[in-house]
C-alpha atoms as a PDB file:
ATOM      1  CA  MET A   1      -0.142   0.210   0.097  1.00  0.00           C
ATOM      2  CA  SER A   2       3.125   2.735  -0.016  1.00  0.00           C
ATOM      3  CA  ASN A   3       2.916   2.021  -3.911  1.00  0.00           C
ATOM      4  CA  LYS A   4       1.418   4.434  -5.863  1.00  0.00           C
ATOM      5  CA  GLU A   5       1.667   1.693  -8.789  1.00  0.00           C
ATOM      6  CA  ASN A   6      -0.432  -0.850  -6.456  1.00  0.00           C
ATOM      7  CA  LEU A   7      -2.674   0.907  -5.025  1.00  0.00           C
ATOM      8  CA  ILE A   8      -4.137   2.259  -8.917  1.00  0.00           C
ATOM      9  CA  ALA A   9      -4.594  -1.434  -9.427  1.00  0.00           C
ATOM     10  CA  SER A  10      -5.762  -2.268  -6.203  1.00  0.00           C
ATOM     11  CA  PHE A  11      -8.844   0.553  -7.356  1.00  0.00           C
ATOM     12  CA  ASP A  12      -9.299  -1.219 -10.095  1.00  0.00           C
ATOM     13  CA  ILE A  13     -10.395  -4.085  -9.430  1.00  0.00           C
ATOM     14  CA  ALA A  14     -12.027  -2.859  -6.222  1.00  0.00           C
ATOM     15  CA  THR A  15     -15.569  -2.513  -4.795  1.00  0.00           C
ATOM     16  CA  ASP A  16     -17.057   0.493  -4.669  1.00  0.00           C
ATOM     17  CA  PHE A  17     -16.653   0.865  -1.052  1.00  0.00           C
ATOM     18  CA  GLU A  18     -12.979  -0.542  -0.992  1.00  0.00           C
ATOM     19  CA  LYS A  19     -12.224   2.538  -4.112  1.00  0.00           C
ATOM     20  CA  ILE A  20     -12.815   5.130  -1.260  1.00  0.00           C
ATOM     21  CA  ASN A  21     -10.530   3.764   1.863  1.00  0.00           C
ATOM     22  CA  ILE A  22      -8.019   3.094  -1.474  1.00  0.00           C
ATOM     23  CA  LEU A  23      -8.277   6.755  -2.897  1.00  0.00           C
ATOM     24  CA  ARG A  24      -7.934   8.289   0.388  1.00  0.00           C
ATOM     25  CA  ILE A  25      -4.440   6.800   1.083  1.00  0.00           C
ATOM     26  CA  LEU A  26      -3.465   7.307  -2.665  1.00  0.00           C
ATOM     27  CA  SER A  27      -4.117  11.150  -1.763  1.00  0.00           C
ATOM     28  CA  ILE A  28      -1.424  11.140   0.901  1.00  0.00           C
ATOM     29  CA  LEU A  29       0.795   9.000  -0.578  1.00  0.00           C
ATOM     30  CA  VAL A  30       1.072  11.722  -3.331  1.00  0.00           C
ATOM     31  CA  ASN A  31       0.444  14.412  -1.410  1.00  0.00           C
ATOM     32  CA  ASP A  32      -1.924  15.469  -3.537  1.00  0.00           C
ATOM     33  CA  ARG A  33      -5.407  17.469  -1.844  1.00  0.00           C
ATOM     34  CA  ILE A  34      -8.346  16.212  -3.256  1.00  0.00           C
ATOM     35  CA  GLY A  35      -9.941  19.768  -5.176  1.00  0.00           C
ATOM     36  CA  ASP A  36     -13.035  18.136  -5.811  1.00  0.00           C
ATOM     37  CA  ASP A  37     -14.544  18.966  -2.678  1.00  0.00           C
ATOM     38  CA  VAL A  38     -18.006  16.922  -2.931  1.00  0.00           C
ATOM     39  CA  LEU A  39     -15.864  13.952  -3.035  1.00  0.00           C
ATOM     40  CA  ARG A  40     -13.477  15.236  -0.411  1.00  0.00           C
ATOM     41  CA  LYS A  41     -16.393  15.911   2.386  1.00  0.00           C
ATOM     42  CA  PHE A  42     -17.431  12.129   0.891  1.00  0.00           C
ATOM     43  CA  ILE A  43     -14.416  10.621   1.275  1.00  0.00           C
ATOM     44  CA  LEU A  44     -13.684  12.191   5.131  1.00  0.00           C
ATOM     45  CA  GLU A  45     -16.993  12.886   6.777  1.00  0.00           C
ATOM     46  CA  SER A  46     -18.736   9.831   5.237  1.00  0.00           C
ATOM     47  CA  TYR A  47     -17.324   7.500   7.490  1.00  0.00           C
ATOM     48  CA  HIS A  48     -16.661   9.931  10.370  1.00  0.00           C
ATOM     49  CA  ILE A  49     -17.288   7.975  13.656  1.00  0.00           C
ATOM     50  CA  GLU A  50     -18.921  10.299  16.413  1.00  0.00           C
ATOM     51  CA  ASN A  51     -19.588   7.480  19.059  1.00  0.00           C
ATOM     52  CA  THR A  52     -18.318   4.358  20.312  1.00  0.00           C
ATOM     53  CA  MET A  53     -20.909   2.352  18.329  1.00  0.00           C
ATOM     54  CA  THR A  54     -20.200   2.346  14.760  1.00  0.00           C
ATOM     55  CA  PHE A  55     -23.956   0.973  12.795  1.00  0.00           C
ATOM     56  CA  GLN A  56     -23.395   0.187   9.550  1.00  0.00           C
ATOM     57  CA  LEU A  57     -24.936  -1.128   6.067  1.00  0.00           C
ATOM     58  CA  ASP A  58     -22.930  -4.284   4.645  1.00  0.00           C
ATOM     59  CA  PRO A  59     -20.966  -2.910   2.350  1.00  0.00           C
ATOM     60  CA  GLU A  60     -21.174  -5.759  -0.447  1.00  0.00           C
ATOM     61  CA  ALA A  61     -24.692  -7.000   0.664  1.00  0.00           C
ATOM     62  CA  PHE A  62     -25.938  -2.549  -0.516  1.00  0.00           C
ATOM     63  CA  ASN A  63     -24.156  -0.252  -2.905  1.00  0.00           C
ATOM     64  CA  THR A  64     -23.597   2.697  -0.684  1.00  0.00           C
ATOM     65  CA  VAL A  65     -21.078   5.071  -2.583  1.00  0.00           C
ATOM     66  CA  PRO A  66     -23.393   7.060  -5.117  1.00  0.00           C
ATOM     67  CA  TYR A  67     -22.197   6.972  -9.350  1.00  0.00           C
ATOM     68  CA  TYR A  68     -21.117  10.002  -9.185  1.00  0.00           C
ATOM     69  CA  ILE A  69     -18.773   9.620  -6.443  1.00  0.00           C
ATOM     70  CA  ILE A  70     -17.427   6.951  -8.287  1.00  0.00           C
ATOM     71  CA  SER A  71     -17.271   8.731 -10.896  1.00  0.00           C
ATOM     72  CA  ALA A  72     -15.481  11.985  -9.678  1.00  0.00           C
ATOM     73  CA  CYS A  73     -12.508   8.846  -7.684  1.00  0.00           C
ATOM     74  CA  LYS A  74     -12.311   7.262 -11.268  1.00  0.00           C
ATOM     75  CA  ARG A  75     -11.109  10.915 -12.172  1.00  0.00           C
ATOM     76  CA  TYR A  76      -8.714  11.711  -9.316  1.00  0.00           C
ATOM     77  CA  VAL A  77      -7.039   8.116  -9.852  1.00  0.00           C
ATOM     78  CA  ASP A  78      -6.288   8.525 -13.337  1.00  0.00           C
ATOM     79  CA  LYS A  79      -4.816  12.131 -12.962  1.00  0.00           C
ATOM     80  CA  HIS A  80      -2.622   9.962 -11.233  1.00  0.00           C
ATOM     81  CA  ARG A  81      -1.624   7.525 -14.000  1.00  0.00           C
END
């Protein structure tokens, strides 16, 4: 996970939920702030835990990531290929 090429290859085969986490790691690795405000807010705050317990739908059974977020993730990753 510390190699940009491996992260991008992992992104290409990942589920939508996994792509969010890979993108977060990639942005830190390449030291590039995500410029899309909506995408950045979704990635940084959607899974933010406020309490000691987390409740979440099973990401393999339910698609909880909107299509436009995945499209924005792909554009960001394509920029770093």
